[in-house]
Amino acid sequence: TRMQRPRWLLGACLWLLCSTEVWTATFKLALIGPWSCDPLFSRAMPTAAANLALSRLRSDTGLSRGYWYDVKLLDEDCSASKALTELGDMEGYGHAYIGPFSPALCHAASLLAQHWEAGLASPGCLGADWPNLPPLPQPSRLLFSVLRFFRWAHVGVISAPTDLWVSTGQEVASALRALGLPIGPVVTMETNKNGGAQEALRAIRVADKVKVVIMCMSSVLIGGEDQRELLLTALDMGMVADGYVFIPYDALLYAMPYQDIAFPQLTNSTKLRHAYSSVLTVTMASDQSFYEAFRQAQINREIRTAVSATEVSPIFGTIFNMVYFVAKAVEERRQAGGGHWVTGNQLIQSDGGFDFQGFNQVVYGGKEGRGMQAKYVVLDSDGDRFVPTHTLAPTHTHGPVGSLKPLSHTFIFPGGKPPSASFCWFSPEEACSGGPETVSMFFAFLLFCALIGAFIYWIKKYKRKA
């Protein structure tokens, strides 16, 4: 029996080594974000979000035979130049990098990830120029779909005066211009001097045909003071009554709570409530409110914190979704490759075809490296609450820019709906070089001159005969 025991132990060890259920390699994920730079991120509890995703991944039967996942949190400096230098020191922290969030770092992050032979899933890469697996639906495509539906081609951009939001505003404008829209002006709202918001809005007001403004800053509803100042100034300047529409960019990055939620920022300020009536919010659709989903996770002891759900930024849910999505994409590539190790250049080729329950909505994997896909919703404010007015289907089901569909409640424009532009701005087969109205008037003028000339010629000819 003494001789049999070592043989039994040897057999058990061999079984453990061969068993894919037990013996799994660790795939490291590095999560990069500006965790101390802005209310949107400083209140996001990224460690808790990543750990919750890892916990639920371990009980996901579709991943049980694949890798074991681990997440390392890395900080993205608030200064773009300093963040750029620190990016080079992040080698070895992950087999795939989720982040950075700043578009100013996209180029460098893409080149470094290729050099490190690691995967990159950056929400900051708004264009398609760099190898990247988008861990969020592309914000520029979502905006284009909404602008196309309402036929708003002439759009301005106002950014908060931080490196993150300034670079975001510039990249949003570039991405929309690449889709054919005449975006401009793109201005920064200076907050270190009096009248900064007024100066930025004045630049918008004097711009020809611009009636829609994309706000690149944190929402006032999650603690963004810059947006509060901008909207209240717009109200004082009469721009709300004049029919200007404001679209918050940050809401595209998460699921803004809208199910039976009253926002105290709007409840307690009649003036802000009036100003917010001009805001058209486009945000990720959700099966239940972010706050409700967070409280439920607290009750289930999946999130061990006494912090109130309303004090947490909804980007928490985005972090959860991004970590979960990248893990699912890695598993899809692992199975497609016959179980071989997944390298960075393989990850960005993820063919999707999967879906999973995100933090508070169903999330999909897009085909041909298109990245994460999800359903979106357009919201109108009704007093201190939100009302959905349109749904935006995921692009994997309705072409490259999705499909916007109206609901029973229509968006109320307090100052009247902004004028529609020619559809040629939204059609790749047509070109609008000077604005449809200008072109039409030019040809009408030429026709008018030709008719006048013909009439004069006929009169002279008639007099000669007479």
Protein backbone atom coordinates (compact mmCIF):
# COMPACT_ATOMS: atom_id res chain seq x y z
CA THR A 1 0.00 0.00 0.00
CA ARG A 2 2.93 2.34 0.64
CA MET A 3 4.10 1.78 -2.95
CA GLN A 4 0.61 2.32 -4.32
CA ARG A 5 0.17 5.70 -2.58
CA PRO A 6 2.91 7.54 -4.57
CA ARG A 7 1.48 6.08 -7.79
CA TRP A 8 -1.94 7.34 -6.82
CA LEU A 9 -0.54 10.80 -6.07
CA LEU A 10 1.40 10.82 -9.33
CA GLY A 11 -1.76 9.93 -11.25
CA ALA A 12 -3.71 12.68 -9.52
CA CYS A 13 -1.00 15.23 -10.38
CA LEU A 14 -0.99 14.16 -14.03
CA TRP A 15 -4.77 14.44 -14.16
CA LEU A 16 -4.58 17.98 -12.73
CA LEU A 17 -1.99 18.97 -15.30
CA CYS A 18 -4.07 17.63 -18.19
CA SER A 19 -7.44 18.88 -17.00
CA THR A 20 -8.46 22.10 -18.79
CA GLU A 21 -11.12 22.65 -16.14
CA VAL A 22 -8.53 23.12 -13.41
CA TRP A 23 -5.27 24.06 -15.12
CA THR A 24 -5.84 27.43 -16.76
CA ALA A 25 -3.44 30.20 -17.69
CA THR A 26 -3.95 33.73 -16.39
CA PHE A 27 -4.76 36.39 -19.00
CA LYS A 28 -3.86 39.78 -17.55
CA LEU A 29 -5.96 42.86 -18.28
CA ALA A 30 -4.63 46.37 -17.55
CA LEU A 31 -7.32 49.00 -17.01
CA ILE A 32 -6.10 52.57 -17.69
CA GLY A 33 -8.20 55.60 -16.77
CA PRO A 34 -8.09 59.17 -15.38
CA TRP A 35 -9.40 58.01 -12.02
CA SER A 36 -8.70 61.29 -10.19
CA CYS A 37 -9.30 63.89 -12.91
CA ASP A 38 -13.02 64.45 -13.22
CA PRO A 39 -16.31 63.70 -11.36
CA LEU A 40 -17.16 61.22 -14.11
CA PHE A 41 -14.14 59.08 -13.20
CA SER A 42 -13.23 60.03 -9.62
CA ARG A 43 -16.58 58.67 -8.40
CA ALA A 44 -16.53 55.57 -10.62
CA MET A 45 -15.09 53.06 -8.08
CA PRO A 46 -13.06 51.30 -10.83
CA THR A 47 -11.55 48.66 -8.54
CA ALA A 48 -14.99 47.55 -7.31
CA ALA A 49 -16.34 47.53 -10.90
CA ALA A 50 -13.43 45.43 -12.21
CA ASN A 51 -13.63 43.00 -9.28
CA LEU A 52 -17.38 42.57 -9.78
CA ALA A 53 -16.78 41.76 -13.45
CA LEU A 54 -14.09 39.21 -12.51
CA SER A 55 -16.41 37.62 -9.96
CA ARG A 56 -19.21 37.17 -12.48
CA LEU A 57 -16.78 35.99 -15.18
CA ARG A 58 -15.75 33.11 -12.91
CA SER A 59 -19.34 31.87 -12.83
CA ASP A 60 -19.82 32.29 -16.60
CA THR A 61 -20.07 28.77 -18.03
CA GLY A 62 -19.00 30.01 -21.46
CA LEU A 63 -15.61 30.95 -20.01
CA SER A 64 -15.05 28.11 -17.53
CA ARG A 65 -12.74 26.16 -19.84
CA GLY A 66 -10.67 29.17 -20.93
CA TYR A 67 -8.37 31.56 -19.13
CA TRP A 68 -8.31 32.84 -15.59
CA TYR A 69 -8.55 36.65 -15.71
CA ASP A 70 -6.85 39.26 -13.58
CA VAL A 71 -7.13 43.07 -13.74
CA LYS A 72 -4.45 45.64 -12.87
CA LEU A 73 -5.63 49.23 -12.36
CA LEU A 74 -3.34 51.90 -13.87
CA ASP A 75 -3.77 55.66 -13.50
CA GLU A 76 -3.94 58.01 -16.48
CA ASP A 77 -2.51 61.39 -15.48
CA CYS A 78 -4.73 64.46 -15.83
CA SER A 79 -2.04 66.19 -17.90
CA ALA A 80 -1.91 64.74 -21.41
CA SER A 81 1.85 65.34 -21.75
CA LYS A 82 2.62 63.63 -18.44
CA ALA A 83 0.22 60.77 -19.22
CA LEU A 84 1.99 60.32 -22.54
CA THR A 85 5.38 59.88 -20.90
CA GLU A 86 3.98 57.51 -18.25
CA LEU A 87 2.31 55.36 -20.90
CA GLY A 88 5.67 53.98 -21.98
CA ASP A 89 6.29 52.64 -18.45
CA MET A 90 3.18 50.44 -18.48
CA GLU A 91 4.72 47.57 -20.44
CA GLY A 92 4.14 44.13 -18.97
CA TYR A 93 1.08 44.97 -16.87
CA GLY A 94 -1.37 43.29 -19.24
CA HIS A 95 -1.78 40.97 -22.20
CA ALA A 96 -4.50 43.42 -23.21
CA TYR A 97 -4.95 47.08 -22.23
CA ILE A 98 -8.42 48.53 -21.63
CA GLY A 99 -7.95 52.29 -22.05
CA PRO A 100 -6.78 54.97 -22.08
CA PHE A 101 -9.85 57.21 -22.16
CA SER A 102 -8.17 60.33 -23.53
CA PRO A 103 -8.14 60.58 -27.35
CA ALA A 104 -4.82 62.44 -27.06
CA LEU A 105 -3.18 59.16 -26.01
CA CYS A 106 -4.73 56.91 -28.67
CA HIS A 107 -1.92 57.11 -31.22
CA ALA A 108 0.81 56.40 -28.67
CA ALA A 109 -1.19 53.65 -26.95
CA SER A 110 -1.81 51.92 -30.28
CA LEU A 111 1.87 51.98 -31.28
CA LEU A 112 3.03 50.82 -27.84
CA ALA A 113 0.49 47.99 -27.73
CA GLN A 114 1.72 46.77 -31.12
CA HIS A 115 5.34 46.95 -29.92
CA TRP A 116 4.44 45.02 -26.76
CA GLU A 117 2.38 42.51 -28.82
CA ALA A 118 -0.56 43.26 -26.52
CA GLY A 119 -4.20 43.88 -27.31
CA LEU A 120 -5.72 47.36 -27.13
CA ALA A 121 -9.34 48.14 -26.31
CA SER A 122 -9.40 51.91 -25.88
CA PRO A 123 -12.59 53.99 -25.56
CA GLY A 124 -10.42 57.01 -26.41
CA CYS A 125 -9.76 55.94 -30.01
CA LEU A 126 -12.67 57.61 -31.79
CA GLY A 127 -11.45 57.02 -35.35
CA ALA A 128 -10.68 53.83 -37.25
CA ASP A 129 -7.07 54.74 -38.06
CA TRP A 130 -5.40 52.69 -35.31
CA PRO A 131 -5.53 48.98 -34.43
CA ASN A 132 -8.04 48.88 -31.61
CA LEU A 133 -10.99 46.77 -30.44
CA PRO A 134 -13.58 49.37 -29.34
CA PRO A 135 -14.81 48.43 -25.83
CA LEU A 136 -17.73 50.84 -26.32
CA PRO A 137 -20.01 51.62 -29.27
CA GLN A 138 -18.27 54.33 -31.33
CA PRO A 139 -19.58 57.70 -30.02
CA SER A 140 -19.02 59.45 -33.36
CA ARG A 141 -21.18 56.86 -35.15
CA LEU A 142 -23.92 57.24 -32.54
CA LEU A 143 -23.86 61.02 -32.88
CA PHE A 144 -23.90 60.78 -36.67
CA SER A 145 -26.97 58.55 -36.56
CA VAL A 146 -28.84 61.03 -34.33
CA LEU A 147 -27.74 64.05 -36.36
CA ARG A 148 -28.72 62.30 -39.59
CA PHE A 149 -32.18 61.44 -38.24
CA PHE A 150 -32.89 65.07 -37.32
CA ARG A 151 -30.87 66.32 -40.34
CA TRP A 152 -28.65 68.58 -38.27
CA ALA A 153 -25.41 68.95 -40.20
CA HIS A 154 -24.07 72.21 -38.77
CA VAL A 155 -22.86 71.46 -35.25
CA GLY A 156 -20.57 73.24 -32.77
CA VAL A 157 -18.50 71.71 -29.97
CA ILE A 158 -17.75 73.20 -26.54
CA SER A 159 -15.22 71.48 -24.26
CA ALA A 160 -14.37 71.85 -20.59
CA PRO A 161 -10.83 73.27 -20.15
CA THR A 162 -9.09 70.02 -19.16
CA ASP A 163 -6.74 68.02 -21.38
CA LEU A 164 -9.16 65.07 -21.40
CA TRP A 165 -12.17 67.05 -22.61
CA VAL A 166 -10.26 69.39 -24.95
CA SER A 167 -8.76 66.43 -26.82
CA THR A 168 -12.16 64.70 -26.79
CA GLY A 169 -13.81 67.74 -28.38
CA GLN A 170 -11.16 67.95 -31.08
CA GLU A 171 -11.37 64.23 -31.90
CA VAL A 172 -15.19 64.23 -31.93
CA ALA A 173 -15.11 67.09 -34.44
CA SER A 174 -12.51 65.29 -36.59
CA ALA A 175 -14.47 62.02 -36.54
CA LEU A 176 -17.71 63.74 -37.57
CA ARG A 177 -15.93 65.72 -40.28
CA ALA A 178 -14.56 62.41 -41.62
CA LEU A 179 -18.19 61.31 -41.96
CA GLY A 180 -18.93 64.40 -44.08
CA LEU A 181 -20.38 66.90 -41.60
CA PRO A 182 -19.25 70.57 -41.54
CA ILE A 183 -18.42 70.69 -37.82
CA GLY A 184 -17.43 74.02 -36.30
CA PRO A 185 -16.65 76.00 -34.32
CA VAL A 186 -14.79 73.87 -31.75
CA VAL A 187 -14.16 76.00 -28.67
CA THR A 188 -12.90 75.56 -25.10
CA MET A 189 -14.87 77.07 -22.24
CA GLU A 190 -12.34 78.87 -20.06
CA THR A 191 -13.34 78.59 -16.41
CA ASN A 192 -10.38 80.43 -14.88
CA LYS A 193 -11.83 83.80 -15.87
CA ASN A 194 -15.22 85.48 -15.66
CA GLY A 195 -17.36 85.20 -18.75
CA GLY A 196 -15.70 82.04 -20.08
CA ALA A 197 -19.03 80.30 -20.76
CA GLN A 198 -20.46 83.45 -22.35
CA GLU A 199 -17.43 83.80 -24.62
CA ALA A 200 -17.69 80.16 -25.78
CA LEU A 201 -21.42 80.46 -26.45
CA ARG A 202 -20.92 83.74 -28.30
CA ALA A 203 -18.56 81.92 -30.70
CA ILE A 204 -21.34 79.39 -31.33
CA ARG A 205 -24.01 82.04 -31.82
CA VAL A 206 -22.10 83.98 -34.47
CA ALA A 207 -21.34 80.78 -36.46
CA ASP A 208 -23.44 80.41 -39.59
CA LYS A 209 -26.35 77.93 -39.31
CA VAL A 210 -25.08 76.27 -36.09
CA LYS A 211 -27.97 75.48 -33.75
CA VAL A 212 -26.73 72.23 -32.19
CA VAL A 213 -23.92 72.06 -29.61
CA ILE A 214 -22.06 68.96 -28.41
CA MET A 215 -20.90 69.47 -24.80
CA CYS A 216 -17.64 67.64 -24.02
CA MET A 217 -17.67 67.77 -20.22
CA SER A 218 -19.13 65.89 -17.26
CA SER A 219 -22.91 66.05 -16.91
CA VAL A 220 -24.33 68.37 -14.27
CA LEU A 221 -26.49 65.42 -13.17
CA ILE A 222 -23.40 63.53 -11.95
CA GLY A 223 -21.59 66.51 -10.48
CA GLY A 224 -20.25 68.41 -13.49
CA GLU A 225 -20.16 72.11 -12.55
CA ASP A 226 -18.87 73.26 -15.97
CA GLN A 227 -22.04 72.02 -17.67
CA ARG A 228 -24.21 73.74 -15.06
CA GLU A 229 -22.48 77.06 -15.78
CA LEU A 230 -22.72 76.57 -19.55
CA LEU A 231 -26.44 75.75 -19.57
CA LEU A 232 -27.39 78.54 -17.17
CA THR A 233 -25.40 81.03 -19.25
CA ALA A 234 -27.12 79.79 -22.43
CA LEU A 235 -30.45 80.40 -20.73
CA ASP A 236 -29.44 83.94 -19.70
CA MET A 237 -28.23 84.68 -23.25
CA GLY A 238 -31.60 83.63 -24.70
CA MET A 239 -30.16 80.66 -26.60
CA VAL A 240 -32.67 78.21 -25.13
CA ALA A 241 -35.54 80.39 -26.34
CA ASP A 242 -33.78 80.78 -29.70
CA GLY A 243 -33.94 77.04 -30.33
CA TYR A 244 -30.39 75.85 -29.60
CA VAL A 245 -30.07 72.16 -28.70
CA PHE A 246 -27.31 70.83 -26.44
CA ILE A 247 -26.08 67.21 -26.60
CA PRO A 248 -23.96 65.92 -23.67
CA TYR A 249 -21.09 63.79 -25.02
CA ASP A 250 -20.30 62.07 -21.72
CA ALA A 251 -23.73 60.36 -21.61
CA LEU A 252 -22.70 58.32 -24.68
CA LEU A 253 -20.10 56.57 -22.50
CA TYR A 254 -22.52 55.09 -19.95
CA ALA A 255 -26.15 54.39 -19.13
CA MET A 256 -27.67 57.56 -17.69
CA PRO A 257 -30.34 56.52 -15.14
CA TYR A 258 -33.77 57.33 -16.52
CA GLN A 259 -36.26 54.83 -15.07
CA ASP A 260 -38.39 56.56 -12.41
CA ILE A 261 -35.50 58.75 -11.27
CA ALA A 262 -35.92 62.35 -10.11
CA PHE A 263 -32.66 64.30 -10.21
CA PRO A 264 -32.25 66.65 -7.20
CA GLN A 265 -30.11 69.03 -9.31
CA LEU A 266 -33.20 69.70 -11.42
CA THR A 267 -35.74 69.41 -8.59
CA ASN A 268 -34.02 72.11 -6.54
CA SER A 269 -33.39 74.66 -9.33
CA THR A 270 -36.18 76.02 -11.50
CA LYS A 271 -33.66 77.90 -13.62
CA LEU A 272 -31.51 74.83 -14.30
CA ARG A 273 -34.65 72.79 -15.01
CA HIS A 274 -35.65 75.35 -17.66
CA ALA A 275 -32.14 75.38 -19.15
CA TYR A 276 -32.01 71.57 -19.20
CA SER A 277 -35.15 71.44 -21.34
CA SER A 278 -32.86 72.24 -24.30
CA VAL A 279 -30.68 69.16 -23.66
CA LEU A 280 -31.09 66.11 -25.90
CA THR A 281 -29.47 63.15 -24.13
CA VAL A 282 -28.23 60.09 -26.02
CA THR A 283 -27.24 57.30 -23.66
CA MET A 284 -26.94 53.54 -23.39
CA ALA A 285 -30.33 51.86 -22.90
CA SER A 286 -30.74 49.82 -19.75
CA ASP A 287 -33.02 47.08 -18.44
CA GLN A 288 -33.00 48.67 -15.01
CA SER A 289 -31.65 51.91 -13.60
CA PHE A 290 -27.92 52.00 -12.84
CA TYR A 291 -28.76 53.02 -9.27
CA GLU A 292 -31.11 50.08 -8.83
CA ALA A 293 -28.56 47.62 -10.29
CA PHE A 294 -25.87 48.99 -7.96
CA ARG A 295 -28.13 48.70 -4.89
CA GLN A 296 -29.02 45.13 -5.85
CA ALA A 297 -25.33 44.20 -6.06
CA GLN A 298 -24.85 45.77 -2.62
CA ILE A 299 -27.74 43.73 -1.19
CA ASN A 300 -26.21 40.55 -2.71
CA ARG A 301 -22.89 41.53 -1.11
CA GLU A 302 -21.19 41.55 -4.50
CA ILE A 303 -20.19 45.17 -3.86
CA ARG A 304 -18.97 45.73 -0.32
CA THR A 305 -19.34 49.46 0.25
CA ALA A 306 -21.65 51.71 2.22
CA VAL A 307 -21.49 54.44 -0.45
CA SER A 308 -24.95 55.41 -1.71
CA ALA A 309 -25.64 54.39 -5.31
CA THR A 310 -26.53 57.98 -6.21
CA GLU A 311 -23.00 59.04 -5.19
CA VAL A 312 -21.41 56.65 -7.72
CA SER A 313 -20.71 57.64 -11.33
CA PRO A 314 -22.59 55.49 -13.90
CA ILE A 315 -19.23 54.95 -15.63
CA PHE A 316 -18.94 52.16 -13.01
CA GLY A 317 -21.25 50.09 -15.21
CA THR A 318 -19.16 50.92 -18.30
CA ILE A 319 -15.99 49.67 -16.58
CA PHE A 320 -17.78 46.44 -15.66
CA ASN A 321 -18.98 46.01 -19.26
CA MET A 322 -15.56 46.74 -20.79
CA VAL A 323 -13.73 44.19 -18.63
CA TYR A 324 -16.40 41.56 -19.29
CA PHE A 325 -16.48 42.32 -23.02
CA VAL A 326 -12.72 42.05 -23.50
CA ALA A 327 -12.71 38.72 -21.63
CA LYS A 328 -15.48 37.41 -23.90
CA ALA A 329 -13.60 38.65 -26.98
CA VAL A 330 -10.43 36.90 -25.79
CA GLU A 331 -12.38 33.67 -25.31
CA GLU A 332 -13.93 34.01 -28.79
CA ARG A 333 -10.46 34.35 -30.30
CA ARG A 334 -9.10 31.48 -28.18
CA GLN A 335 -11.80 29.12 -29.46
CA ALA A 336 -11.40 30.37 -33.04
CA GLY A 337 -7.67 29.66 -32.78
CA GLY A 338 -8.12 26.12 -31.55
CA GLY A 339 -7.21 26.90 -27.96
CA HIS A 340 -3.88 28.61 -28.70
CA TRP A 341 -2.72 31.67 -26.76
CA VAL A 342 -4.45 34.90 -27.85
CA THR A 343 -2.06 37.66 -28.91
CA GLY A 344 -2.79 41.35 -29.26
CA ASN A 345 -3.19 41.41 -33.03
CA GLN A 346 -5.62 38.50 -32.79
CA LEU A 347 -7.77 40.26 -30.19
CA ILE A 348 -8.46 43.29 -32.39
CA GLN A 349 -9.80 40.91 -35.06
CA SER A 350 -12.52 39.60 -32.76
CA ASP A 351 -15.50 38.46 -34.82
CA GLY A 352 -17.96 38.83 -31.95
CA GLY A 353 -21.08 36.74 -32.33
CA PHE A 354 -21.64 36.64 -28.57
CA ASP A 355 -23.78 38.50 -26.08
CA PHE A 356 -23.81 38.73 -22.32
CA GLN A 357 -25.63 40.37 -19.46
CA GLY A 358 -23.78 43.59 -18.77
CA PHE A 359 -24.09 45.54 -15.54
CA ASN A 360 -27.64 46.68 -16.31
CA GLN A 361 -28.19 45.88 -20.01
CA VAL A 362 -27.50 43.21 -22.62
CA VAL A 363 -24.24 43.80 -24.50
CA TYR A 364 -23.17 42.30 -27.85
CA GLY A 365 -19.90 41.53 -29.57
CA GLY A 366 -19.76 43.12 -33.03
CA LYS A 367 -18.51 41.35 -36.15
CA GLU A 368 -15.22 42.06 -37.96
CA GLY A 369 -13.53 43.85 -35.07
CA ARG A 370 -16.31 46.43 -34.59
CA GLY A 371 -16.14 45.90 -30.85
CA MET A 372 -18.84 46.25 -28.25
CA GLN A 373 -22.41 46.91 -29.41
CA ALA A 374 -25.41 47.97 -27.34
CA LYS A 375 -28.82 49.53 -27.67
CA TYR A 376 -29.09 53.29 -27.08
CA VAL A 377 -31.94 55.62 -26.23
CA VAL A 378 -32.66 59.33 -26.76
CA LEU A 379 -34.03 61.13 -23.70
CA ASP A 380 -36.03 64.33 -23.22
CA SER A 381 -36.30 66.00 -19.83
CA ASP A 382 -39.75 66.29 -18.30
CA GLY A 383 -39.34 68.51 -15.26
CA ASP A 384 -36.75 66.74 -13.07
CA ARG A 385 -37.10 63.37 -14.86
CA PHE A 386 -36.21 61.78 -18.19
CA VAL A 387 -38.60 60.43 -20.82
CA PRO A 388 -37.36 58.21 -23.70
CA THR A 389 -38.25 59.59 -27.14
CA HIS A 390 -36.27 57.36 -29.55
CA THR A 391 -34.35 54.11 -29.55
CA LEU A 392 -31.13 53.50 -31.43
CA ALA A 393 -30.60 49.86 -32.43
CA PRO A 394 -27.09 48.35 -32.17
CA THR A 395 -25.07 48.83 -35.33
CA HIS A 396 -24.51 45.08 -35.66
CA THR A 397 -28.22 44.73 -36.47
CA HIS A 398 -28.76 47.89 -38.54
CA GLY A 399 -25.70 48.73 -40.64
CA PRO A 400 -22.65 50.83 -39.81
CA VAL A 401 -24.43 53.69 -38.02
CA GLY A 402 -27.51 52.03 -36.52
CA SER A 403 -31.17 52.98 -36.90
CA LEU A 404 -33.07 55.59 -34.86
CA LYS A 405 -36.74 54.86 -34.21
CA PRO A 406 -39.28 57.23 -32.58
CA LEU A 407 -41.28 56.19 -29.52
CA SER A 408 -44.69 57.44 -28.40
CA HIS A 409 -43.27 60.48 -26.59
CA THR A 410 -41.84 63.14 -28.93
CA PHE A 411 -38.94 65.42 -28.05
CA ILE A 412 -40.14 68.91 -27.10
CA PHE A 413 -37.91 71.69 -28.41
CA PRO A 414 -38.48 74.68 -26.09
CA GLY A 415 -37.30 77.21 -28.68
CA GLY A 416 -38.47 75.36 -31.77
CA LYS A 417 -36.70 72.59 -33.66
CA PRO A 418 -33.38 73.58 -35.32
CA PRO A 419 -33.67 73.84 -39.13
CA SER A 420 -32.98 70.72 -41.18
CA ALA A 421 -30.01 70.59 -43.55
CA SER A 422 -29.89 68.96 -46.97
CA PHE A 423 -29.55 65.18 -46.84
CA CYS A 424 -26.45 65.41 -49.04
CA TRP A 425 -24.43 66.10 -45.89
CA PHE A 426 -25.28 62.59 -44.70
CA SER A 427 -24.87 60.73 -47.99
CA PRO A 428 -21.41 59.45 -49.01
CA GLU A 429 -22.49 59.50 -52.69
CA GLU A 430 -23.15 63.25 -52.65
CA ALA A 431 -21.04 66.30 -51.85
CA CYS A 432 -22.13 69.50 -50.11
CA SER A 433 -19.27 71.90 -50.58
CA GLY A 434 -20.85 75.21 -49.68
CA GLY A 435 -24.11 74.41 -48.03
CA PRO A 436 -27.25 73.30 -49.89
CA GLU A 437 -28.97 76.66 -49.62
CA THR A 438 -26.02 78.51 -51.16
CA VAL A 439 -25.75 76.08 -54.06
CA SER A 440 -29.48 76.22 -54.76
CA MET A 441 -29.53 80.01 -54.67
CA PHE A 442 -26.50 80.19 -57.00
CA PHE A 443 -28.16 78.03 -59.66
CA ALA A 444 -31.45 79.88 -59.22
CA PHE A 445 -29.57 83.12 -59.79
CA LEU A 446 -27.97 81.75 -62.98
CA LEU A 447 -31.37 80.62 -64.24
CA PHE A 448 -32.86 84.01 -63.44
CA CYS A 449 -30.05 85.78 -65.36
CA ALA A 450 -30.55 83.47 -68.34
CA LEU A 451 -34.28 84.19 -68.39
CA ILE A 452 -33.71 87.96 -68.17
CA GLY A 453 -31.15 87.75 -70.98
CA ALA A 454 -33.52 85.76 -73.17
CA PHE A 455 -36.34 88.20 -72.45
CA ILE A 456 -34.18 91.25 -73.38
CA TYR A 457 -32.99 89.49 -76.53
CA TRP A 458 -36.61 88.73 -77.51
CA ILE A 459 -37.67 92.37 -76.90
CA LYS A 460 -34.83 93.77 -79.03
CA LYS A 461 -35.52 91.29 -81.78
CA TYR A 462 -39.25 92.13 -81.72
CA LYS A 463 -38.54 95.92 -81.89
CA ARG A 464 -36.20 95.40 -84.88
CA LYS A 465 -38.91 93.56 -86.77
CA ALA A 466 -41.42 96.23 -85.89
